[in-house]
Amino acid sequence: MEGIAKMWILSKEVRSYHQNRIKIETIGYFMEESRRTAKCEVIEIVGSMTNQAKFK
């Protein structure tokens, strides 16, 4: 299975950490506890220091 997902860094405290590490073509994994459930690759970075998600 393959697809594209939009992801956000929700916690202000870790945005600078991720901003310094995430680059185009970075490979990562989605985790469920200690098990890798999917492999992912960064294909685009947009507004890494802002929170695009809206909560009510």
PDB file of N, CA and C in Angstrom:
ATOM      1  N   MET A   1       0.840  -1.167   0.000  1.00  0.00           N
ATOM      2  CA  MET A   1       0.000   0.000   0.000  1.00  0.00           C
ATOM      3  C   MET A   1       0.891   1.238   0.000  1.00  0.00           C
ATOM      4  N   GLU A   2       0.403   2.280  -0.622  1.00  0.00           N
ATOM      5  CA  GLU A   2       1.181   3.499  -0.759  1.00  0.00           C
ATOM      6  C   GLU A   2       0.241   4.697  -0.720  1.00  0.00           C
ATOM      7  N   GLY A   3       0.726   5.822  -0.227  1.00  0.00           N
ATOM      8  CA  GLY A   3      -0.107   7.015  -0.189  1.00  0.00           C
ATOM      9  C   GLY A   3       0.678   8.225   0.261  1.00  0.00           C
ATOM     10  N   ILE A   4      -0.012   9.347   0.369  1.00  0.00           N
ATOM     11  CA  ILE A   4       0.586  10.600   0.824  1.00  0.00           C
ATOM     12  C   ILE A   4      -0.231  11.102   2.007  1.00  0.00           C
ATOM     13  N   ALA A   5       0.460  11.542   3.059  1.00  0.00           N
ATOM     14  CA  ALA A   5      -0.214  12.051   4.257  1.00  0.00           C
ATOM     15  C   ALA A   5       0.329  13.429   4.593  1.00  0.00           C
ATOM     16  N   LYS A   6      -0.538  14.311   5.025  1.00  0.00           N
ATOM     17  CA  LYS A   6      -0.114  15.611   5.561  1.00  0.00           C
ATOM     18  C   LYS A   6       0.071  15.436   7.061  1.00  0.00           C
ATOM     19  N   MET A   7       1.206  15.895   7.566  1.00  0.00           N
ATOM     20  CA  MET A   7       1.529  15.730   8.976  1.00  0.00           C
ATOM     21  C   MET A   7       1.873  17.088   9.573  1.00  0.00           C
ATOM     22  N   TRP A   8       1.593  17.248  10.858  1.00  0.00           N
ATOM     23  CA  TRP A   8       1.917  18.480  11.571  1.00  0.00           C
ATOM     24  C   TRP A   8       2.697  18.154  12.833  1.00  0.00           C
ATOM     25  N   ILE A   9       3.536  19.097  13.241  1.00  0.00           N
ATOM     26  CA  ILE A   9       4.221  19.018  14.539  1.00  0.00           C
ATOM     27  C   ILE A   9       3.355  19.815  15.492  1.00  0.00           C
ATOM     28  N   LEU A  10       2.632  19.138  16.350  1.00  0.00           N
ATOM     29  CA  LEU A  10       1.653  19.801  17.204  1.00  0.00           C
ATOM     30  C   LEU A  10       2.261  20.472  18.425  1.00  0.00           C
ATOM     31  N   SER A  11       3.327  19.926  18.946  1.00  0.00           N
ATOM     32  CA  SER A  11       3.929  20.449  20.170  1.00  0.00           C
ATOM     33  C   SER A  11       4.965  21.530  19.857  1.00  0.00           C
ATOM     34  N   LYS A  12       4.747  22.743  20.371  1.00  0.00           N
ATOM     35  CA  LYS A  12       5.710  23.834  20.169  1.00  0.00           C
ATOM     36  C   LYS A  12       7.090  23.458  20.685  1.00  0.00           C
ATOM     37  N   GLU A  13       7.127  22.686  21.755  1.00  0.00           N
ATOM     38  CA  GLU A  13       8.393  22.347  22.411  1.00  0.00           C
ATOM     39  C   GLU A  13       9.322  21.522  21.519  1.00  0.00           C
ATOM     40  N   VAL A  14       8.794  20.779  20.560  1.00  0.00           N
ATOM     41  CA  VAL A  14       9.655  19.930  19.730  1.00  0.00           C
ATOM     42  C   VAL A  14       9.776  20.410  18.286  1.00  0.00           C
ATOM     43  N   ARG A  15       9.152  21.545  17.952  1.00  0.00           N
ATOM     44  CA  ARG A  15       9.232  22.036  16.574  1.00  0.00           C
ATOM     45  C   ARG A  15      10.665  22.335  16.148  1.00  0.00           C
ATOM     46  N   SER A  16      11.432  23.033  16.993  1.00  0.00           N
ATOM     47  CA  SER A  16      12.803  23.366  16.592  1.00  0.00           C
ATOM     48  C   SER A  16      13.649  22.099  16.449  1.00  0.00           C
ATOM     49  N   TYR A  17      13.425  21.098  17.304  1.00  0.00           N
ATOM     50  CA  TYR A  17      14.129  19.817  17.186  1.00  0.00           C
ATOM     51  C   TYR A  17      13.865  19.201  15.812  1.00  0.00           C
ATOM     52  N   HIS A  18      12.605  19.110  15.437  1.00  0.00           N
ATOM     53  CA  HIS A  18      12.241  18.507  14.153  1.00  0.00           C
ATOM     54  C   HIS A  18      12.667  19.377  12.974  1.00  0.00           C
ATOM     55  N   GLN A  19      12.575  20.691  13.123  1.00  0.00           N
ATOM     56  CA  GLN A  19      12.981  21.585  12.038  1.00  0.00           C
ATOM     57  C   GLN A  19      14.448  21.369  11.681  1.00  0.00           C
ATOM     58  N   ASN A  20      15.277  21.103  12.656  1.00  0.00           N
ATOM     59  CA  ASN A  20      16.708  20.899  12.415  1.00  0.00           C
ATOM     60  C   ASN A  20      17.025  19.505  11.885  1.00  0.00           C
ATOM     61  N   ARG A  21      16.093  18.559  11.980  1.00  0.00           N
ATOM     62  CA  ARG A  21      16.358  17.178  11.565  1.00  0.00           C
ATOM     63  C   ARG A  21      15.631  16.758  10.290  1.00  0.00           C
ATOM     64  N   ILE A  22      14.439  17.266  10.071  1.00  0.00           N
ATOM     65  CA  ILE A  22      13.650  16.821   8.922  1.00  0.00           C
ATOM     66  C   ILE A  22      14.085  17.566   7.665  1.00  0.00           C
ATOM     67  N   LYS A  23      14.434  16.822   6.661  1.00  0.00           N
ATOM     68  CA  LYS A  23      14.834  17.360   5.360  1.00  0.00           C
ATOM     69  C   LYS A  23      14.112  16.550   4.281  1.00  0.00           C
ATOM     70  N   ILE A  24      14.048  17.082   3.068  1.00  0.00           N
ATOM     71  CA  ILE A  24      13.491  16.329   1.947  1.00  0.00           C
ATOM     72  C   ILE A  24      14.289  15.032   1.806  1.00  0.00           C
ATOM     73  N   GLU A  25      13.604  13.942   1.565  1.00  0.00           N
ATOM     74  CA  GLU A  25      14.141  12.584   1.414  1.00  0.00           C
ATOM     75  C   GLU A  25      14.505  11.919   2.744  1.00  0.00           C
ATOM     76  N   THR A  26      14.212  12.565   3.885  1.00  0.00           N
ATOM     77  CA  THR A  26      14.420  11.902   5.175  1.00  0.00           C
ATOM     78  C   THR A  26      13.491  10.691   5.249  1.00  0.00           C
ATOM     79  N   ILE A  27      14.023   9.567   5.672  1.00  0.00           N
ATOM     80  CA  ILE A  27      13.242   8.342   5.837  1.00  0.00           C
ATOM     81  C   ILE A  27      12.903   8.194   7.315  1.00  0.00           C
ATOM     82  N   GLY A  28      11.669   7.841   7.604  1.00  0.00           N
ATOM     83  CA  GLY A  28      11.233   7.626   8.985  1.00  0.00           C
ATOM     84  C   GLY A  28      10.237   6.488   9.045  1.00  0.00           C
ATOM     85  N   TYR A  29       9.719   6.251  10.229  1.00  0.00           N
ATOM     86  CA  TYR A  29       8.792   5.142  10.437  1.00  0.00           C
ATOM     87  C   TYR A  29       7.643   5.575  11.323  1.00  0.00           C
ATOM     88  N   PHE A  30       6.445   5.106  11.005  1.00  0.00           N
ATOM     89  CA  PHE A  30       5.315   5.246  11.905  1.00  0.00           C
ATOM     90  C   PHE A  30       5.399   4.081  12.878  1.00  0.00           C
ATOM     91  N   MET A  31       5.184   4.376  14.150  1.00  0.00           N
ATOM     92  CA  MET A  31       5.357   3.355  15.182  1.00  0.00           C
ATOM     93  C   MET A  31       4.058   3.117  15.936  1.00  0.00           C
ATOM     94  N   GLU A  32       3.832   1.877  16.313  1.00  0.00           N
ATOM     95  CA  GLU A  32       2.788   1.493  17.258  1.00  0.00           C
ATOM     96  C   GLU A  32       3.511   0.759  18.372  1.00  0.00           C
ATOM     97  N   GLU A  33       3.666   1.466  19.490  1.00  0.00           N
ATOM     98  CA  GLU A  33       4.505   1.015  20.601  1.00  0.00           C
ATOM     99  C   GLU A  33       5.908   0.798  20.057  1.00  0.00           C
ATOM    100  N   SER A  34       6.475  -0.388  20.137  1.00  0.00           N
ATOM    101  CA  SER A  34       7.843  -0.595  19.654  1.00  0.00           C
ATOM    102  C   SER A  34       7.879  -1.225  18.259  1.00  0.00           C
ATOM    103  N   ARG A  35       6.741  -1.320  17.600  1.00  0.00           N
ATOM    104  CA  ARG A  35       6.655  -1.990  16.299  1.00  0.00           C
ATOM    105  C   ARG A  35       6.533  -0.968  15.165  1.00  0.00           C
ATOM    106  N   ARG A  36       7.380  -1.107  14.143  1.00  0.00           N
ATOM    107  CA  ARG A  36       7.276  -0.270  12.954  1.00  0.00           C
ATOM    108  C   ARG A  36       6.081  -0.739  12.139  1.00  0.00           C
ATOM    109  N   THR A  37       5.179   0.187  11.831  1.00  0.00           N
ATOM    110  CA  THR A  37       3.990  -0.195  11.070  1.00  0.00           C
ATOM    111  C   THR A  37       4.003   0.360   9.648  1.00  0.00           C
ATOM    112  N   ALA A  38       4.843   1.353   9.384  1.00  0.00           N
ATOM    113  CA  ALA A  38       4.935   1.891   8.029  1.00  0.00           C
ATOM    114  C   ALA A  38       6.233   2.671   7.876  1.00  0.00           C
ATOM    115  N   LYS A  39       6.747   2.660   6.672  1.00  0.00           N
ATOM    116  CA  LYS A  39       7.924   3.446   6.333  1.00  0.00           C
ATOM    117  C   LYS A  39       7.432   4.711   5.644  1.00  0.00           C
ATOM    118  N   CYS A  40       8.079   5.850   5.917  1.00  0.00           N
ATOM    119  CA  CYS A  40       7.665   7.097   5.278  1.00  0.00           C
ATOM    120  C   CYS A  40       8.898   7.856   4.806  1.00  0.00           C
ATOM    121  N   GLU A  41       8.667   8.731   3.828  1.00  0.00           N
ATOM    122  CA  GLU A  41       9.717   9.582   3.287  1.00  0.00           C
ATOM    123  C   GLU A  41       9.173  10.999   3.175  1.00  0.00           C
ATOM    124  N   VAL A  42       9.948  11.986   3.623  1.00  0.00           N
ATOM    125  CA  VAL A  42       9.548  13.385   3.531  1.00  0.00           C
ATOM    126  C   VAL A  42       9.695  13.816   2.074  1.00  0.00           C
ATOM    127  N   ILE A  43       8.583  14.313   1.491  1.00  0.00           N
ATOM    128  CA  ILE A  43       8.628  14.763   0.094  1.00  0.00           C
ATOM    129  C   ILE A  43       8.432  16.271  -0.032  1.00  0.00           C
ATOM    130  N   GLU A  44       7.946  16.922   1.039  1.00  0.00           N
ATOM    131  CA  GLU A  44       7.736  18.370   1.010  1.00  0.00           C
ATOM    132  C   GLU A  44       7.666  18.883   2.443  1.00  0.00           C
ATOM    133  N   ILE A  45       8.188  20.077   2.655  1.00  0.00           N
ATOM    134  CA  ILE A  45       8.123  20.728   3.970  1.00  0.00           C
ATOM    135  C   ILE A  45       7.486  22.094   3.777  1.00  0.00           C
ATOM    136  N   VAL A  46       6.405  22.347   4.505  1.00  0.00           N
ATOM    137  CA  VAL A  46       5.686  23.615   4.393  1.00  0.00           C
ATOM    138  C   VAL A  46       5.411  24.144   5.794  1.00  0.00           C
ATOM    139  N   GLY A  47       5.911  25.320   6.125  1.00  0.00           N
ATOM    140  CA  GLY A  47       5.601  25.969   7.398  1.00  0.00           C
ATOM    141  C   GLY A  47       5.957  25.131   8.615  1.00  0.00           C
ATOM    142  N   SER A  48       7.181  24.670   8.721  1.00  0.00           N
ATOM    143  CA  SER A  48       7.553  23.758   9.798  1.00  0.00           C
ATOM    144  C   SER A  48       7.527  24.382  11.192  1.00  0.00           C
ATOM    145  N   MET A  49       7.476  25.702  11.285  1.00  0.00           N
ATOM    146  CA  MET A  49       7.441  26.329  12.606  1.00  0.00           C
ATOM    147  C   MET A  49       6.058  26.847  12.977  1.00  0.00           C
ATOM    148  N   THR A  50       5.032  26.486  12.188  1.00  0.00           N
ATOM    149  CA  THR A  50       3.675  26.898  12.511  1.00  0.00           C
ATOM    150  C   THR A  50       2.799  25.669  12.692  1.00  0.00           C
ATOM    151  N   ASN A  51       1.707  25.834  13.400  1.00  0.00           N
ATOM    152  CA  ASN A  51       0.769  24.745  13.626  1.00  0.00           C
ATOM    153  C   ASN A  51      -0.430  24.966  12.716  1.00  0.00           C
ATOM    154  N   GLN A  52      -0.563  24.157  11.681  1.00  0.00           N
ATOM    155  CA  GLN A  52      -1.638  24.298  10.717  1.00  0.00           C
ATOM    156  C   GLN A  52      -2.945  23.688  11.214  1.00  0.00           C
ATOM    157  N   ALA A  53      -2.861  22.803  12.210  1.00  0.00           N
ATOM    158  CA  ALA A  53      -4.060  22.131  12.723  1.00  0.00           C
ATOM    159  C   ALA A  53      -4.883  23.088  13.580  1.00  0.00           C
ATOM    160  N   LYS A  54      -6.175  23.014  13.453  1.00  0.00           N
ATOM    161  CA  LYS A  54      -7.092  23.840  14.246  1.00  0.00           C
ATOM    162  C   LYS A  54      -7.869  22.940  15.188  1.00  0.00           C
ATOM    163  N   PHE A  55      -7.866  23.274  16.459  1.00  0.00           N
ATOM    164  CA  PHE A  55      -8.579  22.495  17.459  1.00  0.00           C
ATOM    165  C   PHE A  55      -9.719  23.315  18.038  1.00  0.00           C
ATOM    166  N   LYS A  56     -10.830  22.666  18.293  1.00  0.00           N
ATOM    167  CA  LYS A  56     -11.974  23.364  18.889  1.00  0.00           C
ATOM    168  C   LYS A  56     -12.054  23.070  20.366  1.00  0.00           C
TER     169      LYS A  56
END
